Structures are given as structure tokens and as C-alpha cells.
Amino acid sequence: MATLTYVYADSTAVLGPLATYAEPHCYDLCAEHGERLTAPRGWEVVRLTDTSAPSRPSGDDLEALANAVREAARPQERTAQAGGKGAPGADPVEVGRRGHLRVLRSPDS
């Protein structure tokens, strides 16, 4: 999404971040129309980038997320690598499994 503003005195069309309030001669555009925008002959188009918007995830972000999911799927290995078990009797006991879901029972019961 972007806001298009015409500056008639300078023969310029400014395409910038989405405006927070309505102004005369300002028009909100979807991403597709903002990319395809052209100006009349003799006019200049100025495209301002929104640096406050979050950037798109990179390949490194996706890999970090996948590694975190893999690590979370191996809780027994993680506690063993951390130097043994925590408090005695604190680990739940698996009593059933259905797909990726597990049924756990407290070791105290």
C-alpha cells in the first residue's frame, strides 16, 4: 500500500508510505498499482521507501526458524546436552501418541 500525492507546481507525483490522515490530492494505492504507476509526459515520479516497515524475511531467518522448530521437537536430547535432568520427578511421561501430538502424564500421578 502507498499514497500518491501530486505536486502540481513542480509537475511531480510522489509515491510514499501510506498516509495516516486524508489530504486533498492524495490517493491510496494497492501494491500492484503503486508498482505500475506512471506519470504524465513532462512529470517526474518520486518513489519514497518506507524504512519503518519490517523487511521481508531472508533465507537466514527461515533457516533459524527451522532450526528452532527442530530443537523444540527434541526435548529429551536438549535436556541431556544441558547437563542432565532438572529436578527429580519433573519430567512428564509419554503415555500415547497421535501424529505429532503426544499425551503426557505427570510422573507424580
N, C-alpha and C. Protein backbone atom coordinates (compact mmCIF):
# COMPACT_ATOMS: atom_id res chain seq x y z
N MET A 1 0.84 -1.17 0.00
CA MET A 1 0.00 0.00 0.00
C MET A 1 0.89 1.24 0.00
N ALA A 2 0.45 2.25 -0.69
CA ALA A 2 1.19 3.50 -0.78
C ALA A 2 0.21 4.64 -1.01
N THR A 3 0.67 5.85 -0.76
CA THR A 3 -0.14 7.04 -1.00
C THR A 3 0.51 7.85 -2.11
N LEU A 4 -0.29 8.20 -3.09
CA LEU A 4 0.15 9.02 -4.21
C LEU A 4 -0.28 10.46 -3.96
N THR A 5 0.68 11.37 -4.07
CA THR A 5 0.42 12.80 -3.88
C THR A 5 0.92 13.54 -5.10
N TYR A 6 0.10 14.42 -5.64
CA TYR A 6 0.51 15.25 -6.77
C TYR A 6 0.99 16.59 -6.27
N VAL A 7 2.15 17.03 -6.78
CA VAL A 7 2.67 18.38 -6.51
C VAL A 7 2.62 19.11 -7.85
N TYR A 8 1.51 19.80 -8.07
CA TYR A 8 1.27 20.41 -9.37
C TYR A 8 2.29 21.48 -9.71
N ALA A 9 2.75 22.25 -8.74
CA ALA A 9 3.70 23.33 -9.00
C ALA A 9 5.02 22.80 -9.54
N ASP A 10 5.41 21.59 -9.14
CA ASP A 10 6.68 21.00 -9.58
C ASP A 10 6.49 19.94 -10.64
N SER A 11 5.27 19.70 -11.08
CA SER A 11 4.96 18.63 -12.03
C SER A 11 5.56 17.31 -11.55
N THR A 12 5.25 16.97 -10.32
CA THR A 12 5.82 15.78 -9.68
C THR A 12 4.70 14.96 -9.03
N ALA A 13 4.82 13.65 -9.17
CA ALA A 13 3.94 12.72 -8.47
C ALA A 13 4.80 12.00 -7.45
N VAL A 14 4.43 12.05 -6.18
CA VAL A 14 5.20 11.44 -5.11
C VAL A 14 4.45 10.21 -4.62
N LEU A 15 5.12 9.07 -4.65
CA LEU A 15 4.55 7.83 -4.17
C LEU A 15 5.32 7.44 -2.91
N GLY A 16 4.64 7.49 -1.77
CA GLY A 16 5.32 7.25 -0.50
C GLY A 16 4.53 6.31 0.39
N PRO A 17 4.95 6.21 1.65
CA PRO A 17 4.26 5.33 2.60
C PRO A 17 2.79 5.74 2.76
N LEU A 18 1.99 4.81 3.19
CA LEU A 18 0.57 5.05 3.37
C LEU A 18 0.36 6.20 4.35
N ALA A 19 -0.44 7.18 3.95
CA ALA A 19 -0.69 8.36 4.78
C ALA A 19 -1.56 7.97 5.98
N THR A 20 -1.34 8.67 7.08
CA THR A 20 -2.11 8.39 8.29
C THR A 20 -3.39 9.22 8.37
N TYR A 21 -3.51 10.23 7.53
CA TYR A 21 -4.74 11.03 7.50
C TYR A 21 -4.99 11.50 6.07
N ALA A 22 -6.25 11.83 5.78
CA ALA A 22 -6.66 12.21 4.42
C ALA A 22 -6.22 13.63 4.10
N GLU A 23 -5.75 13.83 2.89
CA GLU A 23 -5.35 15.14 2.37
C GLU A 23 -5.96 15.30 0.98
N PRO A 24 -6.22 16.52 0.58
CA PRO A 24 -6.67 16.71 -0.81
C PRO A 24 -5.53 16.36 -1.78
N HIS A 25 -5.87 15.82 -2.90
CA HIS A 25 -4.92 15.43 -3.93
C HIS A 25 -4.02 14.28 -3.49
N CYS A 26 -4.45 13.47 -2.54
CA CYS A 26 -3.73 12.27 -2.12
C CYS A 26 -4.63 11.07 -2.39
N TYR A 27 -4.02 10.02 -2.90
CA TYR A 27 -4.80 8.83 -3.25
C TYR A 27 -4.04 7.60 -2.76
N ASP A 28 -4.75 6.70 -2.08
CA ASP A 28 -4.13 5.46 -1.61
C ASP A 28 -4.19 4.43 -2.73
N LEU A 29 -3.07 3.75 -2.94
CA LEU A 29 -2.97 2.75 -3.99
C LEU A 29 -2.56 1.41 -3.40
N CYS A 30 -3.04 0.33 -4.00
CA CYS A 30 -2.59 -1.00 -3.59
C CYS A 30 -1.16 -1.19 -4.12
N ALA A 31 -0.50 -2.26 -3.69
CA ALA A 31 0.90 -2.50 -4.08
C ALA A 31 1.04 -2.67 -5.59
N GLU A 32 0.10 -3.38 -6.21
CA GLU A 32 0.18 -3.62 -7.65
C GLU A 32 0.10 -2.32 -8.44
N HIS A 33 -0.85 -1.46 -8.09
CA HIS A 33 -0.99 -0.20 -8.82
C HIS A 33 0.15 0.77 -8.48
N GLY A 34 0.67 0.71 -7.28
CA GLY A 34 1.81 1.55 -6.93
C GLY A 34 3.05 1.22 -7.74
N GLU A 35 3.26 -0.08 -8.02
CA GLU A 35 4.42 -0.50 -8.82
C GLU A 35 4.26 -0.10 -10.27
N ARG A 36 3.03 -0.12 -10.79
CA ARG A 36 2.79 0.17 -12.21
C ARG A 36 2.59 1.65 -12.51
N LEU A 37 2.65 2.50 -11.50
CA LEU A 37 2.34 3.91 -11.67
C LEU A 37 3.29 4.58 -12.67
N THR A 38 2.72 5.33 -13.59
CA THR A 38 3.49 6.18 -14.50
C THR A 38 2.91 7.58 -14.42
N ALA A 39 3.73 8.57 -14.72
CA ALA A 39 3.29 9.97 -14.66
C ALA A 39 3.05 10.50 -16.07
N PRO A 40 2.26 11.56 -16.17
CA PRO A 40 2.05 12.17 -17.49
C PRO A 40 3.36 12.68 -18.08
N ARG A 41 3.38 12.86 -19.37
CA ARG A 41 4.57 13.35 -20.05
C ARG A 41 4.99 14.70 -19.47
N GLY A 42 6.28 14.81 -19.14
CA GLY A 42 6.80 16.04 -18.56
C GLY A 42 6.79 16.04 -17.04
N TRP A 43 6.18 15.05 -16.45
CA TRP A 43 6.13 14.93 -15.00
C TRP A 43 7.20 13.96 -14.53
N GLU A 44 7.55 14.08 -13.27
CA GLU A 44 8.53 13.19 -12.65
C GLU A 44 7.84 12.39 -11.54
N VAL A 45 8.21 11.12 -11.39
CA VAL A 45 7.69 10.29 -10.30
C VAL A 45 8.79 10.12 -9.27
N VAL A 46 8.50 10.48 -8.04
CA VAL A 46 9.44 10.30 -6.93
C VAL A 46 8.87 9.19 -6.05
N ARG A 47 9.65 8.13 -5.87
CA ARG A 47 9.21 6.99 -5.05
C ARG A 47 9.99 7.01 -3.73
N LEU A 48 9.28 7.21 -2.65
CA LEU A 48 9.89 7.21 -1.33
C LEU A 48 9.73 5.83 -0.72
N THR A 49 10.78 5.30 -0.13
CA THR A 49 10.69 4.00 0.52
C THR A 49 10.37 4.19 1.98
N ASP A 50 9.60 3.26 2.51
CA ASP A 50 9.21 3.29 3.92
C ASP A 50 10.22 2.47 4.70
N THR A 51 11.14 3.13 5.40
CA THR A 51 12.18 2.42 6.14
C THR A 51 11.66 1.92 7.48
N SER A 52 10.48 2.36 7.92
CA SER A 52 9.96 1.89 9.20
C SER A 52 9.26 0.55 9.07
N ALA A 53 8.90 0.15 7.86
CA ALA A 53 8.22 -1.12 7.67
C ALA A 53 9.21 -2.27 7.85
N PRO A 54 8.75 -3.38 8.40
CA PRO A 54 9.65 -4.52 8.56
C PRO A 54 10.06 -5.08 7.20
N SER A 55 11.30 -5.50 7.12
CA SER A 55 11.78 -6.05 5.86
C SER A 55 11.27 -7.48 5.70
N ARG A 56 11.32 -7.97 4.48
CA ARG A 56 10.87 -9.34 4.22
C ARG A 56 11.85 -10.32 4.84
N PRO A 57 11.36 -11.47 5.28
CA PRO A 57 12.26 -12.46 5.87
C PRO A 57 13.29 -12.93 4.86
N SER A 58 14.52 -13.13 5.33
CA SER A 58 15.57 -13.61 4.45
C SER A 58 15.69 -15.12 4.59
N GLY A 59 16.56 -15.72 3.80
CA GLY A 59 16.82 -17.15 3.89
C GLY A 59 17.38 -17.53 5.25
N ASP A 60 18.19 -16.63 5.83
CA ASP A 60 18.75 -16.89 7.16
C ASP A 60 17.65 -16.94 8.22
N ASP A 61 16.65 -16.07 8.08
CA ASP A 61 15.53 -16.07 9.04
C ASP A 61 14.77 -17.39 8.97
N LEU A 62 14.54 -17.88 7.75
CA LEU A 62 13.82 -19.13 7.57
C LEU A 62 14.62 -20.30 8.14
N GLU A 63 15.92 -20.29 7.92
CA GLU A 63 16.77 -21.37 8.44
C GLU A 63 16.80 -21.33 9.97
N ALA A 64 16.87 -20.15 10.56
CA ALA A 64 16.87 -20.04 12.01
C ALA A 64 15.56 -20.54 12.59
N LEU A 65 14.44 -20.24 11.93
CA LEU A 65 13.15 -20.73 12.38
C LEU A 65 13.07 -22.25 12.30
N ALA A 66 13.55 -22.81 11.19
CA ALA A 66 13.54 -24.27 11.04
C ALA A 66 14.41 -24.93 12.10
N ASN A 67 15.57 -24.37 12.40
CA ASN A 67 16.43 -24.93 13.44
C ASN A 67 15.77 -24.86 14.81
N ALA A 68 15.07 -23.78 15.09
CA ALA A 68 14.37 -23.65 16.38
C ALA A 68 13.26 -24.69 16.51
N VAL A 69 12.55 -24.95 15.41
CA VAL A 69 11.49 -25.96 15.44
C VAL A 69 12.08 -27.34 15.65
N ARG A 70 13.19 -27.63 14.96
CA ARG A 70 13.84 -28.93 15.14
C ARG A 70 14.31 -29.11 16.58
N GLU A 71 14.87 -28.07 17.16
CA GLU A 71 15.35 -28.16 18.53
C GLU A 71 14.19 -28.37 19.50
N ALA A 72 13.09 -27.71 19.27
CA ALA A 72 11.93 -27.87 20.15
C ALA A 72 11.33 -29.27 20.04
N ALA A 73 11.52 -29.93 18.91
CA ALA A 73 10.97 -31.27 18.72
C ALA A 73 11.80 -32.33 19.44
N ARG A 74 12.98 -31.97 19.94
CA ARG A 74 13.85 -32.94 20.61
C ARG A 74 14.08 -32.53 22.07
N PRO A 75 13.05 -32.50 22.91
CA PRO A 75 13.25 -32.02 24.28
C PRO A 75 14.15 -32.93 25.11
N GLN A 76 14.12 -34.26 24.89
CA GLN A 76 14.95 -35.17 25.68
C GLN A 76 16.42 -34.95 25.37
N GLU A 77 16.77 -34.80 24.11
CA GLU A 77 18.16 -34.57 23.73
C GLU A 77 18.66 -33.24 24.28
N ARG A 78 17.80 -32.23 24.27
CA ARG A 78 18.20 -30.92 24.75
C ARG A 78 18.52 -30.95 26.24
N THR A 79 17.72 -31.64 27.03
CA THR A 79 17.99 -31.69 28.47
C THR A 79 19.21 -32.53 28.76
N ALA A 80 19.46 -33.57 27.97
CA ALA A 80 20.65 -34.38 28.17
C ALA A 80 21.91 -33.58 27.84
N GLN A 81 21.86 -32.76 26.81
CA GLN A 81 23.02 -31.94 26.44
C GLN A 81 23.25 -30.82 27.45
N ALA A 82 22.21 -30.41 28.13
CA ALA A 82 22.33 -29.31 29.08
C ALA A 82 22.95 -29.77 30.39
N GLY A 83 23.28 -31.04 30.51
CA GLY A 83 23.95 -31.50 31.72
C GLY A 83 23.07 -32.35 32.60
N GLY A 84 22.17 -33.11 32.03
CA GLY A 84 21.36 -34.00 32.82
C GLY A 84 19.96 -33.47 33.01
N LYS A 85 19.22 -34.16 33.85
CA LYS A 85 17.82 -33.78 34.07
C LYS A 85 17.73 -32.68 35.10
N GLY A 86 16.59 -32.04 35.12
CA GLY A 86 16.34 -30.98 36.09
C GLY A 86 16.00 -31.58 37.43
N ALA A 87 14.97 -31.10 38.05
CA ALA A 87 14.54 -31.61 39.35
C ALA A 87 14.06 -33.04 39.20
N PRO A 88 14.35 -33.90 40.17
CA PRO A 88 13.89 -35.29 40.06
C PRO A 88 12.38 -35.35 40.03
N GLY A 89 11.86 -36.18 39.12
CA GLY A 89 10.41 -36.36 39.01
C GLY A 89 9.71 -35.23 38.27
N ALA A 90 10.45 -34.31 37.64
CA ALA A 90 9.84 -33.17 36.98
C ALA A 90 9.49 -33.44 35.52
N ASP A 91 10.05 -34.51 34.92
CA ASP A 91 9.79 -34.79 33.51
C ASP A 91 8.49 -35.55 33.36
N PRO A 92 7.60 -35.13 32.46
CA PRO A 92 6.35 -35.86 32.24
C PRO A 92 6.64 -37.17 31.49
N VAL A 93 5.73 -38.13 31.61
CA VAL A 93 5.88 -39.43 30.97
C VAL A 93 4.92 -39.49 29.79
N GLU A 94 5.43 -39.91 28.63
CA GLU A 94 4.59 -40.03 27.44
C GLU A 94 3.80 -41.32 27.53
N VAL A 95 2.47 -41.22 27.41
CA VAL A 95 1.63 -42.40 27.50
C VAL A 95 0.92 -42.72 26.19
N GLY A 96 0.97 -41.83 25.23
CA GLY A 96 0.34 -42.08 23.95
C GLY A 96 0.78 -41.06 22.92
N ARG A 97 0.53 -41.39 21.64
CA ARG A 97 0.93 -40.50 20.56
C ARG A 97 -0.08 -40.62 19.44
N ARG A 98 -0.42 -39.49 18.82
CA ARG A 98 -1.29 -39.47 17.66
C ARG A 98 -0.74 -38.42 16.70
N GLY A 99 -0.07 -38.88 15.64
CA GLY A 99 0.58 -37.96 14.71
C GLY A 99 1.70 -37.23 15.43
N HIS A 100 1.69 -35.94 15.39
CA HIS A 100 2.73 -35.15 16.07
C HIS A 100 2.32 -34.76 17.49
N LEU A 101 1.12 -35.16 17.92
CA LEU A 101 0.65 -34.83 19.27
C LEU A 101 0.99 -35.96 20.23
N ARG A 102 1.35 -35.59 21.44
CA ARG A 102 1.69 -36.58 22.47
C ARG A 102 0.78 -36.40 23.68
N VAL A 103 0.44 -37.51 24.31
CA VAL A 103 -0.32 -37.47 25.56
C VAL A 103 0.70 -37.67 26.68
N LEU A 104 0.76 -36.71 27.60
CA LEU A 104 1.74 -36.76 28.66
C LEU A 104 1.04 -36.92 30.00
N ARG A 105 1.66 -37.67 30.89
CA ARG A 105 1.16 -37.81 32.24
C ARG A 105 2.26 -37.39 33.19
N SER A 106 1.89 -36.70 34.21
CA SER A 106 2.87 -36.28 35.21
C SER A 106 3.44 -37.50 35.91
N PRO A 107 4.76 -37.55 36.17
CA PRO A 107 5.34 -38.71 36.83
C PRO A 107 4.86 -38.88 38.26
N ASP A 108 4.28 -37.83 38.84
CA ASP A 108 3.78 -37.91 40.21
C ASP A 108 2.47 -38.69 40.31
N SER A 109 1.72 -38.80 39.19
CA SER A 109 0.41 -39.46 39.28
C SER A 109 0.49 -40.92 38.94
